[in-house]
C-alpha cells in the first residue's frame, strides 16, 4: 500500500505488518497488533528483531530536513507507542516515541546500530505530544514539544554512511510489544526543508 499526504513531498509505503493505515483530512491513523515491536535487545545473541511493527515510510532524499507531527497514541500496556521513525540501513535505524512507560506517557528514543539502545526523556501529562525528527549534515536530532513551537532537545546522533543517509527513509511507526494492540493518530504533519542550527536551543 502507498499513501500520498499533502504535507509530504514523497509517497509513504507500508513496511512490516499490516498497520491498517488510513489518511483523511490531514489525519493519519495506524494500528499495531498484539506483541508487535521493533527492537533488537542489546543483550541478545541475535542481530534480528524478535518482532516487527507497522511502519509507513518514504524516501526523504538528500539534504537537511525536519519531519514534524503531533501524535496521540492509545496508551494502555507497557511499551504501547506512536513514533516518528528513521531507517538508514537494515540495522541502522531510530525511533522517537510517545510511549506508555512506567504507566505514564513518556517521550522515549531508540537508536539501533546492530543492537538497540533505549532511553526515556520526560513524561508528557496530556498523552499527546509534538515530535520532530531532523537532519543537519550527517547529524540527526530528536525534539519534542507541547505546542509545536517551543522544542525540547531529546537526542542527537548519526547513523550510516554518506551513501546510506542519501537513501534514508522516514515516517511513522506504531507498536504494542506487551499489549493486545495500540492505535495512534498523527496530525499537524509537516516536512520542511532545512535542519536545525543548534539542536539544544529549542527552536
Protein backbone atom coordinates (compact mmCIF):
# COMPACT_ATOMS: atom_id res chain seq x y z
CA UNK A 1 0.00 0.00 0.00
CA UNK A 2 1.17 3.52 -0.79
CA UNK A 3 -0.23 6.76 0.63
CA UNK A 4 0.17 10.36 -0.51
CA UNK A 5 -0.14 13.09 2.10
CA UNK A 6 -0.46 16.71 1.01
CA UNK A 7 2.04 17.71 3.70
CA UNK A 8 4.78 15.43 2.36
CA UNK A 9 6.76 15.66 -0.87
CA UNK A 10 7.18 11.88 -1.07
CA UNK A 11 4.90 8.85 -1.05
CA UNK A 12 4.67 6.63 2.03
CA UNK A 13 4.89 2.86 1.63
CA UNK A 14 3.74 0.29 4.16
CA UNK A 15 6.57 -1.73 5.74
CA UNK A 16 6.22 -4.63 8.16
CA UNK A 17 2.90 -5.97 9.49
CA UNK A 18 -0.43 -4.56 8.35
CA UNK A 19 -0.91 -1.28 10.19
CA UNK A 20 -4.42 -0.59 8.88
CA UNK A 21 -3.15 2.83 7.89
CA UNK A 22 -5.72 5.44 6.87
CA UNK A 23 -5.42 9.10 5.93
CA UNK A 24 -8.15 11.73 5.61
CA UNK A 25 -8.29 15.49 6.15
CA UNK A 26 -4.68 15.69 7.24
CA UNK A 27 -5.03 12.96 9.88
CA UNK A 28 -3.07 9.71 9.66
CA UNK A 29 -4.03 6.69 11.76
CA UNK A 30 -2.34 3.33 12.20
CA UNK A 31 -2.60 0.33 14.49
CA UNK A 32 -0.14 -2.26 15.78
CA UNK A 33 -1.31 -5.75 16.64
CA UNK A 34 -0.58 -7.72 19.80
CA UNK A 35 3.12 -8.10 20.59
CA UNK A 36 4.32 -6.01 17.65
CA UNK A 37 7.52 -4.06 18.28
CA UNK A 38 10.77 -3.18 16.54
CA UNK A 39 13.71 -3.62 18.92
CA UNK A 40 16.95 -5.60 18.88
CA UNK A 41 17.82 -6.38 22.54
CA UNK A 42 21.31 -5.15 23.41
CA UNK A 43 21.99 -8.31 25.41
CA UNK A 44 20.65 -10.70 22.75
CA UNK A 45 22.71 -13.09 20.66
CA UNK A 46 20.69 -12.44 17.52
CA UNK A 47 21.01 -9.38 15.28
CA UNK A 48 17.42 -9.81 14.15
CA UNK A 49 14.49 -8.19 15.94
CA UNK A 50 12.30 -10.68 17.77
CA UNK A 51 9.28 -9.00 16.22
CA UNK A 52 8.26 -6.27 13.81
CA UNK A 53 5.96 -3.27 13.93
CA UNK A 54 3.84 -1.45 11.32
CA UNK A 55 5.67 1.37 9.62
CA UNK A 56 4.80 3.86 6.89
CA UNK A 57 7.95 5.20 5.24
CA UNK A 58 9.10 7.38 2.38
CA UNK A 59 12.44 8.44 0.86
CA UNK A 60 13.43 11.85 2.24
CA UNK A 61 16.11 12.45 -0.40
CA UNK A 62 19.37 14.31 0.07
CA UNK A 63 19.76 17.44 2.14
CA UNK A 64 18.67 18.70 5.53
CA UNK A 65 15.06 18.37 6.65
CA UNK A 66 12.57 18.40 9.53
CA UNK A 67 9.70 15.91 9.80
CA UNK A 68 7.09 17.06 12.31
CA UNK A 69 3.86 15.52 13.59
CA UNK A 70 1.61 15.60 16.61
CA UNK A 71 0.93 12.10 17.94
CA UNK A 72 -1.87 10.76 20.12
CA UNK A 73 -1.41 7.05 20.80
CA UNK A 74 -3.87 4.93 22.75
CA UNK A 75 -1.56 4.05 25.63
CA UNK A 76 -2.80 1.02 27.59
CA UNK A 77 0.00 -1.51 28.02
CA UNK A 78 3.72 -1.14 28.67
CA UNK A 79 5.55 -0.10 25.51
CA UNK A 80 2.47 0.98 23.55
CA UNK A 81 3.59 3.89 21.38
CA UNK A 82 3.23 6.05 18.32
CA UNK A 83 6.52 7.23 16.84
CA UNK A 84 8.47 9.01 14.16
CA UNK A 85 10.82 6.51 12.57
CA UNK A 86 14.09 6.82 10.62
CA UNK A 87 15.50 3.97 8.52
CA UNK A 88 19.05 4.31 7.17
CA UNK A 89 20.01 0.62 6.73
CA UNK A 90 18.80 -2.81 7.87
CA UNK A 91 20.42 -2.47 11.28
CA UNK A 92 20.79 1.31 11.34
CA UNK A 93 17.50 2.90 12.39
CA UNK A 94 15.96 5.06 15.12
CA UNK A 95 12.59 5.98 16.55
CA UNK A 96 11.22 8.85 18.64
CA UNK A 97 8.20 7.61 20.59
CA UNK A 98 5.40 8.81 22.78
CA UNK A 99 5.26 5.60 24.81
CA UNK A 100 3.48 4.05 27.79
CA UNK A 101 6.44 3.72 30.15
CA UNK A 102 6.15 3.15 33.92
CA UNK A 103 2.38 3.69 33.48
CA UNK A 104 2.94 7.23 32.15
CA UNK A 105 3.02 8.76 28.65
CA UNK A 106 6.73 9.32 28.13
CA UNK A 107 8.92 10.61 25.31
CA UNK A 108 11.35 7.75 24.60
CA UNK A 109 14.04 7.12 22.00
CA UNK A 110 15.70 4.07 20.48
CA UNK A 111 18.77 4.19 18.25
CA UNK A 112 19.82 0.91 16.68
CA UNK A 113 23.32 0.27 15.41
CA UNK A 114 23.38 -3.51 15.19
CA UNK A 115 21.62 -3.67 18.55
CA UNK A 116 19.15 -1.21 20.06
CA UNK A 117 19.57 1.11 23.00
CA UNK A 118 16.61 2.55 24.90
CA UNK A 119 16.29 5.87 26.74
CA UNK A 120 13.44 7.77 28.40
CA UNK A 121 13.41 11.57 28.15
CA UNK A 122 10.44 13.05 30.05
CA UNK A 123 6.79 12.48 30.93
CA UNK A 124 4.01 14.11 28.89
CA UNK A 125 0.99 14.83 31.07
CA UNK A 126 -1.72 15.01 28.43
CA UNK A 127 -0.81 11.88 26.46
CA UNK A 128 -0.36 13.93 23.29
CA UNK A 129 2.88 15.44 22.02
CA UNK A 130 4.53 17.03 19.02
CA UNK A 131 7.54 15.10 17.75
CA UNK A 132 10.28 16.30 15.37
CA UNK A 133 12.95 14.36 13.50
CA UNK A 134 15.57 16.48 11.76
CA UNK A 135 18.74 16.01 9.76
CA UNK A 136 21.52 18.61 9.60
CA UNK A 137 24.53 17.42 7.66
CA UNK A 138 25.43 13.99 9.00
CA UNK A 139 23.62 14.56 12.31
CA UNK A 140 20.05 13.58 13.17
CA UNK A 141 18.18 15.14 16.08
CA UNK A 142 15.04 14.31 18.03
CA UNK A 143 12.93 17.03 19.68
CA UNK A 144 9.54 17.08 21.39
CA UNK A 145 7.11 19.90 22.12
CA UNK A 146 3.86 20.57 23.95
CA UNK A 147 2.71 23.16 21.39
CA UNK A 148 4.70 22.65 18.19
CA UNK A 149 6.53 25.95 18.68
CA UNK A 150 8.96 25.59 21.58
CA UNK A 151 11.01 22.41 21.27
CA UNK A 152 12.83 20.42 23.94
CA UNK A 153 16.03 18.69 22.88
CA UNK A 154 15.87 14.92 23.30
CA UNK A 155 18.79 13.43 21.39
CA UNK A 156 21.39 13.94 18.66
CA UNK A 157 23.13 11.09 16.84
CA UNK A 158 24.41 9.88 13.49
CA UNK A 159 23.64 6.75 11.52
CA UNK A 160 25.06 5.06 8.45
CA UNK A 161 27.43 6.08 5.73
CA UNK A 162 27.01 9.09 3.45
CA UNK A 163 25.54 6.83 0.75
CA UNK A 164 23.12 5.23 3.22
CA UNK A 165 22.00 8.63 4.53
CA UNK A 166 21.23 9.74 0.98
CA UNK A 167 18.83 6.78 0.69
CA UNK A 168 17.27 7.24 4.13
CA UNK A 169 13.54 6.77 4.64
CA UNK A 170 11.44 8.35 7.36
CA UNK A 171 7.87 8.22 8.53
CA UNK A 172 5.65 6.71 11.18
CA UNK A 173 5.52 3.64 13.42
CA UNK A 174 3.03 2.11 15.86
CA UNK A 175 3.93 -0.58 18.40
CA UNK A 176 2.45 -2.71 21.19
CA UNK A 177 5.19 -5.03 22.49
CA UNK A 178 3.39 -6.31 25.59
CA UNK A 179 -0.24 -5.47 24.90
CA UNK A 180 -3.17 -6.50 22.76
CA UNK A 181 -2.62 -3.75 20.23
CA UNK A 182 -2.23 0.01 20.04
CA UNK A 183 -3.68 2.64 17.74
CA UNK A 184 -2.13 6.04 17.10
CA UNK A 185 -3.29 9.25 15.45
CA UNK A 186 -0.81 11.56 13.73
CA UNK A 187 -1.82 15.05 12.64
CA UNK A 188 -0.28 18.51 12.07
CA UNK A 189 2.16 16.65 9.82
CA UNK A 190 4.81 18.72 8.03
CA UNK A 191 8.00 18.11 6.08
CA UNK A 192 10.24 21.16 6.00
CA UNK A 193 13.46 21.91 4.16
CA UNK A 194 16.47 22.72 6.32
CA UNK A 195 17.73 21.27 9.55
CA UNK A 196 18.26 22.92 12.94
CA UNK A 197 21.13 25.30 13.59
CA UNK A 198 21.60 24.23 17.21
CA UNK A 199 19.70 21.16 18.43
CA UNK A 200 19.84 22.34 22.04
CA UNK A 201 18.27 25.80 21.70
CA UNK A 202 14.61 24.73 21.46
CA UNK A 203 13.90 26.21 18.03
